[in-house]
Amino acid sequence: MNWETFFFADLESKQRFDADPSRYCGILTDPVSHLRFVPGERSPRTQYDGRPYFFYSEANKATFDANPATYAKVNADWVTRM
C-alpha cells in the first residue's frame, strides 16, 4: 500500500487487511506530495497494479491517476532525504 510494505501471519489476516486497509495501516506517504498522513475512511484512494494507494487530497489523486507509473515507484533520492 502506497510505498509501505506489510507482512501477514496468515491468509485470514491479509484478507481482513485487504477489506479495510485504512483501519490497520497507520501513517502512509502520499506518493505525489510525499506528505505523511493517517488515511481515514474518506481519504481519496485508487488501485494501481493490484495495490491500493491512498492520498492526502483529491488533487494528489488526480495527479497520480493522470500518470500512475511515475508515482507508484519510490524515488530513491527522496527516500534517502527522509
N, C-alpha and C. Protein backbone atom coordinates (compact mmCIF):
# COMPACT_ATOMS: atom_id res chain seq x y z
N MET A 1 0.85 -1.16 0.00
CA MET A 1 0.00 0.00 0.00
C MET A 1 0.90 1.22 0.00
N ASN A 2 0.61 2.16 -0.91
CA ASN A 2 1.49 3.29 -1.15
C ASN A 2 2.91 2.75 -1.26
N TRP A 3 3.85 3.26 -0.52
CA TRP A 3 5.22 2.75 -0.61
C TRP A 3 5.54 1.83 0.55
N GLU A 4 4.63 1.65 1.48
CA GLU A 4 4.87 0.83 2.65
C GLU A 4 4.68 -0.66 2.33
N THR A 5 5.33 -1.50 3.10
CA THR A 5 5.21 -2.95 2.96
C THR A 5 4.62 -3.52 4.24
N PHE A 6 3.70 -4.45 4.09
CA PHE A 6 3.06 -5.08 5.23
C PHE A 6 3.24 -6.59 5.13
N PHE A 7 3.42 -7.23 6.28
CA PHE A 7 3.57 -8.67 6.34
C PHE A 7 2.43 -9.24 7.18
N PHE A 8 1.98 -10.44 6.83
CA PHE A 8 0.82 -11.04 7.48
C PHE A 8 1.15 -12.43 7.99
N ALA A 9 0.55 -12.77 9.13
CA ALA A 9 0.79 -14.07 9.75
C ALA A 9 0.09 -15.19 9.00
N ASP A 10 -1.04 -14.87 8.37
CA ASP A 10 -1.79 -15.90 7.65
C ASP A 10 -2.72 -15.24 6.64
N LEU A 11 -3.35 -16.05 5.82
CA LEU A 11 -4.23 -15.55 4.77
C LEU A 11 -5.42 -14.80 5.35
N GLU A 12 -5.96 -15.26 6.46
CA GLU A 12 -7.11 -14.59 7.08
C GLU A 12 -6.75 -13.16 7.50
N SER A 13 -5.57 -12.97 8.05
CA SER A 13 -5.12 -11.63 8.44
C SER A 13 -5.01 -10.72 7.22
N LYS A 14 -4.47 -11.24 6.13
CA LYS A 14 -4.33 -10.44 4.91
C LYS A 14 -5.70 -10.10 4.33
N GLN A 15 -6.62 -11.01 4.38
CA GLN A 15 -7.98 -10.74 3.87
C GLN A 15 -8.66 -9.65 4.68
N ARG A 16 -8.48 -9.65 6.01
CA ARG A 16 -9.04 -8.58 6.85
C ARG A 16 -8.42 -7.23 6.49
N PHE A 17 -7.11 -7.24 6.28
CA PHE A 17 -6.41 -6.02 5.89
C PHE A 17 -6.90 -5.52 4.54
N ASP A 18 -7.00 -6.41 3.57
CA ASP A 18 -7.45 -6.04 2.21
C ASP A 18 -8.87 -5.46 2.22
N ALA A 19 -9.71 -5.93 3.12
CA ALA A 19 -11.09 -5.46 3.18
C ALA A 19 -11.17 -4.01 3.66
N ASP A 20 -10.24 -3.59 4.53
CA ASP A 20 -10.27 -2.23 5.07
C ASP A 20 -8.85 -1.82 5.49
N PRO A 21 -7.96 -1.57 4.52
CA PRO A 21 -6.56 -1.30 4.86
C PRO A 21 -6.37 -0.06 5.72
N SER A 22 -7.21 0.96 5.57
CA SER A 22 -7.01 2.18 6.35
C SER A 22 -7.20 1.93 7.85
N ARG A 23 -7.90 0.89 8.20
CA ARG A 23 -8.11 0.55 9.61
C ARG A 23 -6.83 0.05 10.28
N TYR A 24 -5.93 -0.50 9.50
CA TYR A 24 -4.75 -1.15 10.06
C TYR A 24 -3.41 -0.48 9.71
N CYS A 25 -3.38 0.40 8.75
CA CYS A 25 -2.10 0.80 8.17
C CYS A 25 -1.29 1.82 8.97
N GLY A 26 -1.90 2.75 9.67
CA GLY A 26 -1.13 3.79 10.35
C GLY A 26 -0.72 4.88 9.37
N ILE A 27 0.47 5.43 9.58
CA ILE A 27 0.94 6.56 8.77
C ILE A 27 1.43 6.06 7.40
N LEU A 28 0.99 6.76 6.34
CA LEU A 28 1.42 6.47 4.98
C LEU A 28 2.08 7.70 4.37
N THR A 29 2.76 7.51 3.26
CA THR A 29 3.33 8.61 2.50
C THR A 29 2.51 8.80 1.23
N ASP A 30 2.00 10.01 1.02
CA ASP A 30 1.29 10.31 -0.21
C ASP A 30 2.31 10.21 -1.35
N PRO A 31 2.06 9.39 -2.38
CA PRO A 31 3.05 9.18 -3.43
C PRO A 31 3.27 10.39 -4.33
N VAL A 32 2.38 11.38 -4.28
CA VAL A 32 2.54 12.57 -5.11
C VAL A 32 3.23 13.69 -4.34
N SER A 33 2.70 14.03 -3.18
CA SER A 33 3.22 15.17 -2.41
C SER A 33 4.28 14.78 -1.39
N HIS A 34 4.39 13.49 -1.09
CA HIS A 34 5.30 12.95 -0.08
C HIS A 34 4.93 13.36 1.34
N LEU A 35 3.74 13.90 1.53
CA LEU A 35 3.25 14.20 2.87
C LEU A 35 2.96 12.91 3.60
N ARG A 36 3.29 12.87 4.89
CA ARG A 36 2.95 11.72 5.73
C ARG A 36 1.60 12.01 6.36
N PHE A 37 0.70 11.03 6.36
CA PHE A 37 -0.63 11.23 6.91
C PHE A 37 -1.23 9.88 7.30
N VAL A 38 -2.26 9.93 8.12
CA VAL A 38 -3.00 8.73 8.50
C VAL A 38 -4.30 8.73 7.69
N PRO A 39 -4.47 7.78 6.77
CA PRO A 39 -5.68 7.76 5.96
C PRO A 39 -6.90 7.37 6.79
N GLY A 40 -8.04 7.89 6.37
CA GLY A 40 -9.30 7.55 7.00
C GLY A 40 -10.26 6.98 5.98
N GLU A 41 -11.47 6.72 6.41
CA GLU A 41 -12.48 6.15 5.51
C GLU A 41 -12.75 7.06 4.31
N ARG A 42 -12.61 8.36 4.50
CA ARG A 42 -12.93 9.32 3.43
C ARG A 42 -11.72 9.76 2.62
N SER A 43 -10.55 9.20 2.91
CA SER A 43 -9.35 9.57 2.16
C SER A 43 -9.48 9.14 0.71
N PRO A 44 -9.05 9.99 -0.22
CA PRO A 44 -9.06 9.58 -1.63
C PRO A 44 -8.17 8.35 -1.81
N ARG A 45 -8.61 7.43 -2.66
CA ARG A 45 -7.84 6.21 -2.89
C ARG A 45 -8.06 5.72 -4.31
N THR A 46 -7.15 4.88 -4.77
CA THR A 46 -7.26 4.25 -6.07
C THR A 46 -6.51 2.93 -6.02
N GLN A 47 -6.67 2.13 -7.04
CA GLN A 47 -5.93 0.88 -7.21
C GLN A 47 -5.03 1.05 -8.42
N TYR A 48 -3.81 0.57 -8.32
CA TYR A 48 -2.91 0.56 -9.47
C TYR A 48 -2.02 -0.67 -9.36
N ASP A 49 -1.96 -1.43 -10.42
CA ASP A 49 -1.12 -2.63 -10.48
C ASP A 49 -1.40 -3.58 -9.32
N GLY A 50 -2.70 -3.68 -8.95
CA GLY A 50 -3.11 -4.60 -7.90
C GLY A 50 -2.87 -4.11 -6.49
N ARG A 51 -2.48 -2.85 -6.32
CA ARG A 51 -2.19 -2.31 -4.99
C ARG A 51 -3.07 -1.10 -4.70
N PRO A 52 -3.50 -0.95 -3.45
CA PRO A 52 -4.24 0.25 -3.09
C PRO A 52 -3.30 1.42 -2.82
N TYR A 53 -3.70 2.61 -3.22
CA TYR A 53 -2.97 3.84 -2.93
C TYR A 53 -3.93 4.82 -2.30
N PHE A 54 -3.50 5.45 -1.21
CA PHE A 54 -4.27 6.47 -0.51
C PHE A 54 -3.57 7.81 -0.70
N PHE A 55 -4.37 8.89 -0.68
CA PHE A 55 -3.84 10.22 -0.96
C PHE A 55 -4.28 11.23 0.09
N TYR A 56 -3.43 12.23 0.27
CA TYR A 56 -3.73 13.30 1.21
C TYR A 56 -4.86 14.18 0.69
N SER A 57 -4.98 14.31 -0.64
CA SER A 57 -6.02 15.18 -1.21
C SER A 57 -6.52 14.63 -2.54
N GLU A 58 -7.68 15.11 -2.96
CA GLU A 58 -8.23 14.74 -4.27
C GLU A 58 -7.31 15.21 -5.40
N ALA A 59 -6.68 16.37 -5.22
CA ALA A 59 -5.77 16.89 -6.24
C ALA A 59 -4.58 15.94 -6.44
N ASN A 60 -4.05 15.40 -5.35
CA ASN A 60 -2.94 14.45 -5.46
C ASN A 60 -3.39 13.16 -6.15
N LYS A 61 -4.59 12.71 -5.86
CA LYS A 61 -5.13 11.53 -6.52
C LYS A 61 -5.27 11.76 -8.02
N ALA A 62 -5.77 12.94 -8.40
CA ALA A 62 -5.94 13.26 -9.82
C ALA A 62 -4.59 13.29 -10.53
N THR A 63 -3.57 13.82 -9.87
CA THR A 63 -2.22 13.85 -10.44
C THR A 63 -1.70 12.43 -10.63
N PHE A 64 -1.89 11.58 -9.64
CA PHE A 64 -1.47 10.18 -9.72
C PHE A 64 -2.21 9.47 -10.85
N ASP A 65 -3.53 9.65 -10.91
CA ASP A 65 -4.35 8.97 -11.92
C ASP A 65 -3.94 9.36 -13.34
N ALA A 66 -3.42 10.56 -13.52
CA ALA A 66 -3.01 11.01 -14.84
C ALA A 66 -1.75 10.30 -15.33
N ASN A 67 -0.90 9.84 -14.41
CA ASN A 67 0.33 9.16 -14.79
C ASN A 67 0.82 8.28 -13.63
N PRO A 68 0.10 7.19 -13.33
CA PRO A 68 0.42 6.40 -12.14
C PRO A 68 1.80 5.77 -12.13
N ALA A 69 2.32 5.39 -13.26
CA ALA A 69 3.64 4.74 -13.29
C ALA A 69 4.73 5.66 -12.74
N THR A 70 4.56 6.95 -12.91
CA THR A 70 5.53 7.92 -12.40
C THR A 70 5.57 7.95 -10.88
N TYR A 71 4.41 7.81 -10.25
CA TYR A 71 4.31 7.98 -8.80
C TYR A 71 4.28 6.67 -8.02
N ALA A 72 4.05 5.56 -8.68
CA ALA A 72 3.95 4.28 -7.97
C ALA A 72 5.32 3.78 -7.52
N LYS A 73 6.38 4.22 -8.16
CA LYS A 73 7.73 3.79 -7.80
C LYS A 73 8.32 4.76 -6.79
N VAL A 74 9.04 4.21 -5.83
CA VAL A 74 9.72 5.03 -4.84
C VAL A 74 10.93 5.67 -5.48
N ASN A 75 11.08 6.97 -5.29
CA ASN A 75 12.25 7.69 -5.77
C ASN A 75 13.34 7.53 -4.72
N ALA A 76 14.41 6.81 -5.02
CA ALA A 76 15.47 6.51 -4.06
C ALA A 76 16.11 7.79 -3.52
N ASP A 77 16.24 8.82 -4.34
CA ASP A 77 16.81 10.09 -3.87
C ASP A 77 15.94 10.72 -2.79
N TRP A 78 14.62 10.65 -2.98
CA TRP A 78 13.72 11.24 -2.00
C TRP A 78 13.77 10.46 -0.69
N VAL A 79 13.80 9.14 -0.76
CA VAL A 79 13.79 8.30 0.44
C VAL A 79 15.03 8.56 1.28
N THR A 80 16.17 8.74 0.66
CA THR A 80 17.40 8.95 1.43
C THR A 80 17.39 10.29 2.14
N ARG A 81 16.55 11.24 1.70
CA ARG A 81 16.45 12.54 2.36
C ARG A 81 15.47 12.53 3.51
N MET A 82 14.69 11.47 3.70
CA MET A 82 13.69 11.42 4.77
C MET A 82 14.32 11.45 6.14
